[in-house]
Amino acid sequence: MVPLTVARMTVANLLKMARCCSGRSGTASLMIRNSSSPSRSSDSTVHVCLEGGGTATIGTQVLEFGRRDIFVVPSWQAFSLAAREDSILFSFSDRPVQQVLGLWREQRLD
């Protein structure tokens, strides 16, 4: 199993990526205040923390994240978020392609 890591980006690169992807399907901004219920889905998702910080639980691994951190949730891995403070995450995935092909699946694990 490949260990999951958190990468860091410069603010300029984050803004460039957000401008490049804004308005395209498969992108989203998430505001988290508390915690999310665990779920898993067939798409893989890249999350970028723009503000705040917290904990991402991906499968059995727990990752601390903060401003400018990037983490990836692989396909069909249990995933939940817990915020230390109000946080904004930018994310993008291959969900739109999977939905068009009729392949996308999601399961709530609570």
N, C-alpha and C. Protein backbone atom coordinates (compact mmCIF):
# COMPACT_ATOMS: atom_id res chain seq x y z
N MET A 1 0.83 -1.17 0.00
CA MET A 1 0.00 0.00 0.00
C MET A 1 0.89 1.25 0.00
N VAL A 2 0.56 2.20 -0.84
CA VAL A 2 1.32 3.44 -0.95
C VAL A 2 0.89 4.38 0.17
N PRO A 3 1.83 4.93 0.94
CA PRO A 3 1.43 5.84 2.01
C PRO A 3 0.86 7.14 1.44
N LEU A 4 -0.15 7.68 2.09
CA LEU A 4 -0.74 8.94 1.68
C LEU A 4 0.07 10.07 2.28
N THR A 5 0.28 11.12 1.51
CA THR A 5 1.06 12.25 1.99
C THR A 5 0.30 13.54 1.74
N VAL A 6 0.69 14.56 2.43
CA VAL A 6 0.16 15.90 2.23
C VAL A 6 1.26 16.72 1.59
N ALA A 7 0.96 17.37 0.46
CA ALA A 7 1.93 18.20 -0.24
C ALA A 7 1.62 19.67 0.04
N ARG A 8 2.60 20.52 -0.15
CA ARG A 8 2.39 21.96 0.04
C ARG A 8 2.58 22.69 -1.29
N MET A 9 1.77 23.72 -1.49
CA MET A 9 1.86 24.55 -2.69
C MET A 9 1.98 26.01 -2.29
N THR A 10 2.48 26.82 -3.22
CA THR A 10 2.52 28.26 -2.97
C THR A 10 1.13 28.83 -3.21
N VAL A 11 0.85 29.97 -2.61
CA VAL A 11 -0.45 30.61 -2.79
C VAL A 11 -0.67 30.95 -4.26
N ALA A 12 0.37 31.40 -4.96
CA ALA A 12 0.24 31.75 -6.38
C ALA A 12 -0.21 30.54 -7.20
N ASN A 13 0.38 29.37 -6.93
CA ASN A 13 -0.02 28.16 -7.67
C ASN A 13 -1.43 27.74 -7.32
N LEU A 14 -1.84 27.89 -6.05
CA LEU A 14 -3.20 27.57 -5.66
C LEU A 14 -4.20 28.46 -6.40
N LEU A 15 -3.93 29.75 -6.44
CA LEU A 15 -4.84 30.67 -7.13
C LEU A 15 -4.88 30.39 -8.62
N LYS A 16 -3.73 30.08 -9.21
CA LYS A 16 -3.69 29.74 -10.63
C LYS A 16 -4.54 28.51 -10.91
N MET A 17 -4.43 27.48 -10.07
CA MET A 17 -5.20 26.27 -10.24
C MET A 17 -6.70 26.55 -10.07
N ALA A 18 -7.06 27.36 -9.08
CA ALA A 18 -8.46 27.69 -8.85
C ALA A 18 -9.04 28.45 -10.03
N ARG A 19 -8.29 29.41 -10.59
CA ARG A 19 -8.77 30.16 -11.76
C ARG A 19 -8.91 29.25 -12.96
N CYS A 20 -7.96 28.35 -13.14
CA CYS A 20 -7.97 27.44 -14.28
C CYS A 20 -9.17 26.50 -14.23
N CYS A 21 -9.50 26.03 -13.05
CA CYS A 21 -10.55 25.02 -12.91
C CYS A 21 -11.92 25.59 -12.59
N SER A 22 -12.01 26.86 -12.17
CA SER A 22 -13.31 27.37 -11.74
C SER A 22 -14.30 27.34 -12.89
N GLY A 23 -15.51 26.92 -12.58
CA GLY A 23 -16.56 26.85 -13.57
C GLY A 23 -16.58 25.56 -14.37
N ARG A 24 -15.60 24.74 -14.24
CA ARG A 24 -15.60 23.45 -14.95
C ARG A 24 -16.26 22.40 -14.08
N SER A 25 -16.89 21.44 -14.72
CA SER A 25 -17.52 20.39 -13.93
C SER A 25 -16.43 19.54 -13.28
N GLY A 26 -16.78 18.99 -12.13
CA GLY A 26 -15.82 18.18 -11.39
C GLY A 26 -15.04 18.97 -10.37
N THR A 27 -15.33 20.29 -10.24
CA THR A 27 -14.65 21.10 -9.25
C THR A 27 -15.65 21.57 -8.21
N ALA A 28 -15.18 21.79 -7.00
CA ALA A 28 -16.07 22.25 -5.93
C ALA A 28 -15.25 22.95 -4.86
N SER A 29 -15.90 23.85 -4.15
CA SER A 29 -15.32 24.44 -2.96
C SER A 29 -16.13 23.95 -1.78
N LEU A 30 -15.46 23.49 -0.74
CA LEU A 30 -16.13 22.97 0.44
C LEU A 30 -15.83 23.85 1.62
N MET A 31 -16.85 24.21 2.38
CA MET A 31 -16.66 24.93 3.64
C MET A 31 -16.95 23.92 4.73
N ILE A 32 -15.98 23.62 5.58
CA ILE A 32 -16.22 22.68 6.67
C ILE A 32 -16.08 23.41 7.99
N ARG A 33 -17.00 23.11 8.90
CA ARG A 33 -16.98 23.74 10.21
C ARG A 33 -16.82 22.72 11.32
N ASN A 34 -17.37 21.56 11.18
CA ASN A 34 -17.30 20.54 12.23
C ASN A 34 -16.65 19.29 11.66
N SER A 35 -17.46 18.28 11.37
CA SER A 35 -16.93 17.05 10.78
C SER A 35 -17.96 16.49 9.82
N SER A 36 -17.48 15.66 8.91
CA SER A 36 -18.37 15.03 7.93
C SER A 36 -18.54 13.56 8.28
N SER A 37 -19.65 13.00 7.84
CA SER A 37 -19.90 11.57 8.02
C SER A 37 -19.02 10.80 7.03
N PRO A 38 -18.53 9.63 7.43
CA PRO A 38 -17.70 8.86 6.52
C PRO A 38 -18.50 8.35 5.31
N SER A 39 -17.84 8.37 4.16
CA SER A 39 -18.44 7.85 2.94
C SER A 39 -17.31 7.40 2.02
N ARG A 40 -17.67 6.74 0.95
CA ARG A 40 -16.69 6.38 -0.07
C ARG A 40 -17.39 6.45 -1.42
N SER A 41 -16.60 6.69 -2.46
CA SER A 41 -17.16 6.77 -3.80
C SER A 41 -16.14 6.27 -4.81
N SER A 42 -16.61 6.04 -6.03
CA SER A 42 -15.75 5.44 -7.04
C SER A 42 -14.80 6.45 -7.69
N ASP A 43 -15.04 7.75 -7.50
CA ASP A 43 -14.13 8.74 -8.08
C ASP A 43 -12.94 8.99 -7.16
N SER A 44 -11.86 9.47 -7.73
CA SER A 44 -10.70 9.91 -6.96
C SER A 44 -10.77 11.43 -6.89
N THR A 45 -10.47 12.00 -5.73
CA THR A 45 -10.62 13.44 -5.54
C THR A 45 -9.36 14.05 -4.97
N VAL A 46 -8.96 15.19 -5.54
CA VAL A 46 -7.84 15.97 -5.03
C VAL A 46 -8.42 17.13 -4.23
N HIS A 47 -7.97 17.33 -3.01
CA HIS A 47 -8.42 18.42 -2.14
C HIS A 47 -7.25 19.35 -1.87
N VAL A 48 -7.52 20.66 -1.93
CA VAL A 48 -6.53 21.69 -1.62
C VAL A 48 -7.12 22.56 -0.52
N CYS A 49 -6.41 22.69 0.58
CA CYS A 49 -6.89 23.54 1.68
C CYS A 49 -6.48 24.98 1.40
N LEU A 50 -7.48 25.85 1.20
CA LEU A 50 -7.22 27.26 0.94
C LEU A 50 -7.16 28.06 2.23
N GLU A 51 -7.98 27.69 3.21
CA GLU A 51 -8.00 28.37 4.51
C GLU A 51 -8.31 27.36 5.59
N GLY A 52 -7.84 27.62 6.80
CA GLY A 52 -8.17 26.79 7.95
C GLY A 52 -7.31 25.55 8.04
N GLY A 53 -7.88 24.50 8.60
CA GLY A 53 -7.15 23.24 8.77
C GLY A 53 -7.99 22.24 9.52
N GLY A 54 -7.52 21.01 9.55
CA GLY A 54 -8.25 19.96 10.23
C GLY A 54 -7.61 18.61 10.02
N THR A 55 -8.44 17.60 10.06
CA THR A 55 -8.00 16.22 9.93
C THR A 55 -8.80 15.53 8.85
N ALA A 56 -8.12 14.83 7.96
CA ALA A 56 -8.77 14.00 6.94
C ALA A 56 -8.48 12.55 7.29
N THR A 57 -9.52 11.75 7.40
CA THR A 57 -9.35 10.31 7.61
C THR A 57 -9.63 9.63 6.29
N ILE A 58 -8.61 8.97 5.74
CA ILE A 58 -8.71 8.30 4.45
C ILE A 58 -8.36 6.84 4.67
N GLY A 59 -9.35 5.98 4.55
CA GLY A 59 -9.13 4.57 4.90
C GLY A 59 -8.81 4.49 6.38
N THR A 60 -7.65 3.95 6.71
CA THR A 60 -7.23 3.85 8.12
C THR A 60 -6.20 4.91 8.49
N GLN A 61 -5.82 5.76 7.53
CA GLN A 61 -4.81 6.78 7.79
C GLN A 61 -5.45 8.11 8.16
N VAL A 62 -4.87 8.78 9.14
CA VAL A 62 -5.34 10.08 9.58
C VAL A 62 -4.28 11.11 9.20
N LEU A 63 -4.69 12.13 8.44
CA LEU A 63 -3.77 13.17 7.98
C LEU A 63 -4.19 14.52 8.54
N GLU A 64 -3.25 15.24 9.12
CA GLU A 64 -3.50 16.62 9.52
C GLU A 64 -3.26 17.49 8.30
N PHE A 65 -4.14 18.45 8.04
CA PHE A 65 -3.93 19.36 6.92
C PHE A 65 -4.15 20.80 7.36
N GLY A 66 -3.51 21.69 6.64
CA GLY A 66 -3.63 23.13 6.90
C GLY A 66 -3.57 23.89 5.60
N ARG A 67 -3.51 25.19 5.71
CA ARG A 67 -3.48 26.06 4.54
C ARG A 67 -2.35 25.65 3.58
N ARG A 68 -2.68 25.56 2.30
CA ARG A 68 -1.78 25.20 1.20
C ARG A 68 -1.42 23.72 1.14
N ASP A 69 -2.07 22.88 1.92
CA ASP A 69 -1.83 21.44 1.83
C ASP A 69 -2.73 20.82 0.77
N ILE A 70 -2.24 19.77 0.16
CA ILE A 70 -2.98 19.03 -0.87
C ILE A 70 -3.01 17.58 -0.46
N PHE A 71 -4.18 16.94 -0.58
CA PHE A 71 -4.25 15.51 -0.34
C PHE A 71 -5.24 14.88 -1.31
N VAL A 72 -5.05 13.61 -1.59
CA VAL A 72 -5.85 12.88 -2.56
C VAL A 72 -6.60 11.76 -1.85
N VAL A 73 -7.87 11.63 -2.21
CA VAL A 73 -8.67 10.52 -1.71
C VAL A 73 -8.83 9.53 -2.87
N PRO A 74 -8.17 8.36 -2.79
CA PRO A 74 -8.27 7.37 -3.87
C PRO A 74 -9.67 6.78 -3.97
N SER A 75 -9.94 6.20 -5.10
CA SER A 75 -11.22 5.56 -5.37
C SER A 75 -11.59 4.53 -4.30
N TRP A 76 -12.83 4.59 -3.86
CA TRP A 76 -13.47 3.64 -2.96
C TRP A 76 -12.78 3.51 -1.59
N GLN A 77 -12.14 4.59 -1.14
CA GLN A 77 -11.57 4.63 0.21
C GLN A 77 -12.53 5.38 1.13
N ALA A 78 -12.74 4.86 2.32
CA ALA A 78 -13.56 5.57 3.30
C ALA A 78 -12.91 6.92 3.58
N PHE A 79 -13.74 7.98 3.67
CA PHE A 79 -13.21 9.34 3.80
C PHE A 79 -14.11 10.18 4.68
N SER A 80 -13.49 10.93 5.59
CA SER A 80 -14.24 11.91 6.39
C SER A 80 -13.31 13.06 6.75
N LEU A 81 -13.91 14.21 7.04
CA LEU A 81 -13.16 15.41 7.41
C LEU A 81 -13.59 15.88 8.79
N ALA A 82 -12.66 16.44 9.53
CA ALA A 82 -12.95 17.10 10.81
C ALA A 82 -12.16 18.40 10.82
N ALA A 83 -12.84 19.52 11.03
CA ALA A 83 -12.19 20.83 10.99
C ALA A 83 -11.72 21.26 12.38
N ARG A 84 -10.53 21.82 12.47
CA ARG A 84 -10.04 22.45 13.70
C ARG A 84 -10.61 23.85 13.81
N GLU A 85 -10.88 24.45 12.66
CA GLU A 85 -11.40 25.81 12.55
C GLU A 85 -12.18 25.89 11.23
N ASP A 86 -12.91 26.97 10.99
CA ASP A 86 -13.59 27.12 9.71
C ASP A 86 -12.56 26.96 8.61
N SER A 87 -12.85 26.10 7.63
CA SER A 87 -11.88 25.77 6.59
C SER A 87 -12.54 25.79 5.22
N ILE A 88 -11.77 26.17 4.22
CA ILE A 88 -12.24 26.12 2.84
C ILE A 88 -11.32 25.19 2.06
N LEU A 89 -11.91 24.18 1.44
CA LEU A 89 -11.18 23.24 0.60
C LEU A 89 -11.66 23.38 -0.84
N PHE A 90 -10.73 23.41 -1.77
CA PHE A 90 -11.04 23.35 -3.20
C PHE A 90 -10.77 21.92 -3.62
N SER A 91 -11.69 21.32 -4.37
CA SER A 91 -11.48 19.93 -4.79
C SER A 91 -11.87 19.74 -6.24
N PHE A 92 -11.26 18.73 -6.85
CA PHE A 92 -11.64 18.33 -8.20
C PHE A 92 -11.48 16.82 -8.33
N SER A 93 -12.31 16.23 -9.22
CA SER A 93 -12.30 14.78 -9.35
C SER A 93 -12.73 14.36 -10.75
N ASP A 94 -12.73 13.05 -10.96
CA ASP A 94 -13.18 12.49 -12.23
C ASP A 94 -14.65 12.05 -12.15
N ARG A 95 -15.39 12.55 -11.17
CA ARG A 95 -16.80 12.18 -10.99
C ARG A 95 -17.65 12.46 -12.24
N PRO A 96 -17.54 13.64 -12.90
CA PRO A 96 -18.40 13.89 -14.06
C PRO A 96 -18.26 12.85 -15.17
N VAL A 97 -17.04 12.43 -15.43
CA VAL A 97 -16.81 11.42 -16.47
C VAL A 97 -17.45 10.09 -16.05
N GLN A 98 -17.26 9.71 -14.78
CA GLN A 98 -17.85 8.46 -14.31
C GLN A 98 -19.37 8.52 -14.34
N GLN A 99 -19.96 9.69 -14.02
CA GLN A 99 -21.42 9.82 -14.07
C GLN A 99 -21.94 9.67 -15.49
N VAL A 100 -21.28 10.30 -16.47
CA VAL A 100 -21.71 10.19 -17.86
C VAL A 100 -21.64 8.74 -18.34
N LEU A 101 -20.62 8.03 -17.90
CA LEU A 101 -20.46 6.63 -18.31
C LEU A 101 -21.31 5.66 -17.48
N GLY A 102 -22.00 6.18 -16.47
CA GLY A 102 -22.82 5.34 -15.61
C GLY A 102 -22.02 4.48 -14.66
N LEU A 103 -20.81 4.92 -14.32
CA LEU A 103 -19.92 4.13 -13.47
C LEU A 103 -19.82 4.64 -12.04
N TRP A 104 -20.25 5.89 -11.79
CA TRP A 104 -20.04 6.50 -10.48
C TRP A 104 -20.94 5.86 -9.42
N ARG A 105 -20.35 5.56 -8.26
CA ARG A 105 -21.08 4.98 -7.14
C ARG A 105 -20.64 5.69 -5.86
N GLU A 106 -21.55 5.74 -4.86
CA GLU A 106 -21.23 6.34 -3.58
C GLU A 106 -21.91 5.52 -2.49
N GLN A 107 -21.25 5.41 -1.34
CA GLN A 107 -21.81 4.68 -0.20
C GLN A 107 -21.55 5.49 1.06
N ARG A 108 -22.61 5.77 1.81
CA ARG A 108 -22.49 6.42 3.12
C ARG A 108 -22.16 5.34 4.14
N LEU A 109 -21.24 5.62 5.04
CA LEU A 109 -20.77 4.59 5.98
C LEU A 109 -21.14 4.87 7.42
N ASP A 110 -22.09 5.77 7.68
CA ASP A 110 -22.42 6.09 9.07
C ASP A 110 -23.41 5.13 9.68
